[in-house]
């Protein structure tokens, strides 16, 4: 056997290895696309699970996020943050009485 000759060329094993490689390649691409799809569906799933008020907006942003990924980040932020509760919390913080340090008065 010389260094230049290649074993399994034009044999049944060669064909079987090409078929196995094609199956692995197609499976890897399909798994990658499926993972990408499931990753992009996170905001929609979160919005449906929490009965979010902006499900339509989150869905639209998610679909646009397939093209422009920064829009998908906005969909994630809107889906995971309840802005109504956040605004109420900020309002309560703003209107809460300030606490003074008692040691300064002495």
Protein backbone atom coordinates (compact mmCIF):
# COMPACT_ATOMS: atom_id res chain seq x y z
CA UNK A 1 0.00 0.00 0.00
CA UNK A 2 1.45 3.34 -0.99
CA UNK A 3 0.86 6.69 0.67
CA UNK A 4 -1.00 8.04 -2.36
CA UNK A 5 -3.66 5.32 -2.67
CA UNK A 6 -6.90 5.85 -0.77
CA UNK A 7 -8.68 2.84 0.71
CA UNK A 8 -12.42 2.23 0.17
CA UNK A 9 -12.59 4.28 -3.06
CA UNK A 10 -15.44 3.16 -5.35
CA UNK A 11 -16.55 0.38 -3.04
CA UNK A 12 -19.73 -0.29 -1.12
CA UNK A 13 -18.07 1.02 2.05
CA UNK A 14 -17.30 4.30 0.27
CA UNK A 15 -20.96 4.74 -0.71
CA UNK A 16 -22.15 3.83 2.79
CA UNK A 17 -19.76 6.35 4.35
CA UNK A 18 -20.97 9.08 1.98
CA UNK A 19 -24.59 8.31 2.86
CA UNK A 20 -23.79 8.33 6.59
CA UNK A 21 -21.97 11.66 6.24
CA UNK A 22 -24.92 13.15 4.34
CA UNK A 23 -27.37 11.96 7.02
CA UNK A 24 -25.21 13.44 9.78
CA UNK A 25 -24.85 16.74 7.87
CA UNK A 26 -28.60 17.05 7.23
CA UNK A 27 -29.39 16.06 10.83
CA UNK A 28 -26.97 18.65 12.20
CA UNK A 29 -28.41 21.41 10.03
CA UNK A 30 -31.97 20.42 10.97
CA UNK A 31 -31.11 20.34 14.68
CA UNK A 32 -29.46 23.76 14.42
CA UNK A 33 -32.49 25.26 12.67
CA UNK A 34 -34.85 23.66 15.20
CA UNK A 35 -32.78 25.05 18.09
CA UNK A 36 -32.76 28.51 16.48
CA UNK A 37 -36.54 28.32 16.07
CA UNK A 38 -37.10 27.25 19.70
CA UNK A 39 -34.79 30.01 20.93
CA UNK A 40 -36.74 32.62 18.99
CA UNK A 41 -40.04 31.28 20.35
CA UNK A 42 -39.08 32.01 24.00
CA UNK A 43 -40.78 35.45 24.15
CA UNK A 44 -44.03 34.15 22.66
CA UNK A 45 -44.15 31.18 25.03
CA UNK A 46 -43.48 33.42 28.04
CA UNK A 47 -46.19 35.87 26.93
CA UNK A 48 -48.76 33.07 26.52
CA UNK A 49 -47.85 31.46 29.87
CA UNK A 50 -48.27 34.73 31.79
CA UNK A 51 -51.28 36.02 29.77
CA UNK A 52 -49.33 39.12 28.84
CA UNK A 53 -51.33 42.10 27.60
CA UNK A 54 -49.02 42.67 24.62
CA UNK A 55 -49.02 39.19 23.04
CA UNK A 56 -49.58 40.63 19.55
CA UNK A 57 -46.68 43.05 19.89
CA UNK A 58 -44.37 40.35 21.25
CA UNK A 59 -45.35 37.99 18.41
CA UNK A 60 -44.69 40.65 15.78
CA UNK A 61 -41.34 41.59 17.33
CA UNK A 62 -40.35 37.93 17.48
CA UNK A 63 -41.09 37.41 13.79
CA UNK A 64 -39.22 40.59 12.85
CA UNK A 65 -36.41 39.37 15.11
CA UNK A 66 -35.65 36.58 12.66
CA UNK A 67 -34.29 39.27 10.34
CA UNK A 68 -33.10 41.94 12.79
CA UNK A 69 -31.95 40.27 15.98
CA UNK A 70 -31.96 43.43 18.08
CA UNK A 71 -35.75 43.52 17.69
CA UNK A 72 -35.90 40.03 19.21
CA UNK A 73 -34.08 41.40 22.26
CA UNK A 74 -36.88 43.98 22.62
CA UNK A 75 -39.41 41.13 22.47
CA UNK A 76 -37.55 39.32 25.26
CA UNK A 77 -37.50 42.46 27.42
CA UNK A 78 -41.20 43.17 26.88
CA UNK A 79 -42.16 39.52 27.50
CA UNK A 80 -40.22 39.12 30.73
CA UNK A 81 -40.86 42.53 32.33
CA UNK A 82 -44.34 43.40 33.54
CA UNK A 83 -44.27 47.12 32.84
CA UNK A 84 -47.54 47.75 34.65
CA UNK A 85 -46.13 46.41 37.93
CA UNK A 86 -42.81 48.14 37.29
CA UNK A 87 -44.48 51.54 36.82
CA UNK A 88 -46.59 51.04 39.95
CA UNK A 89 -43.47 50.12 41.90
CA UNK A 90 -41.62 53.19 40.61
CA UNK A 91 -44.61 55.39 41.48
CA UNK A 92 -44.67 53.96 45.01
CA UNK A 93 -40.96 54.56 45.37
CA UNK A 94 -41.32 58.13 44.16
CA UNK A 95 -44.18 58.94 46.55
CA UNK A 96 -42.86 57.08 49.58
CA UNK A 97 -41.79 59.23 52.51
CA UNK A 98 -38.09 59.75 52.79
CA UNK A 99 -36.34 58.33 55.81
CA UNK A 100 -34.05 60.70 57.63
CA UNK A 101 -31.08 59.62 59.65
CA UNK A 102 -31.91 60.02 63.36
CA UNK A 103 -28.25 60.32 64.39
CA UNK A 104 -27.86 63.62 62.52
CA UNK A 105 -30.51 65.31 64.68
CA UNK A 106 -28.56 64.75 67.92
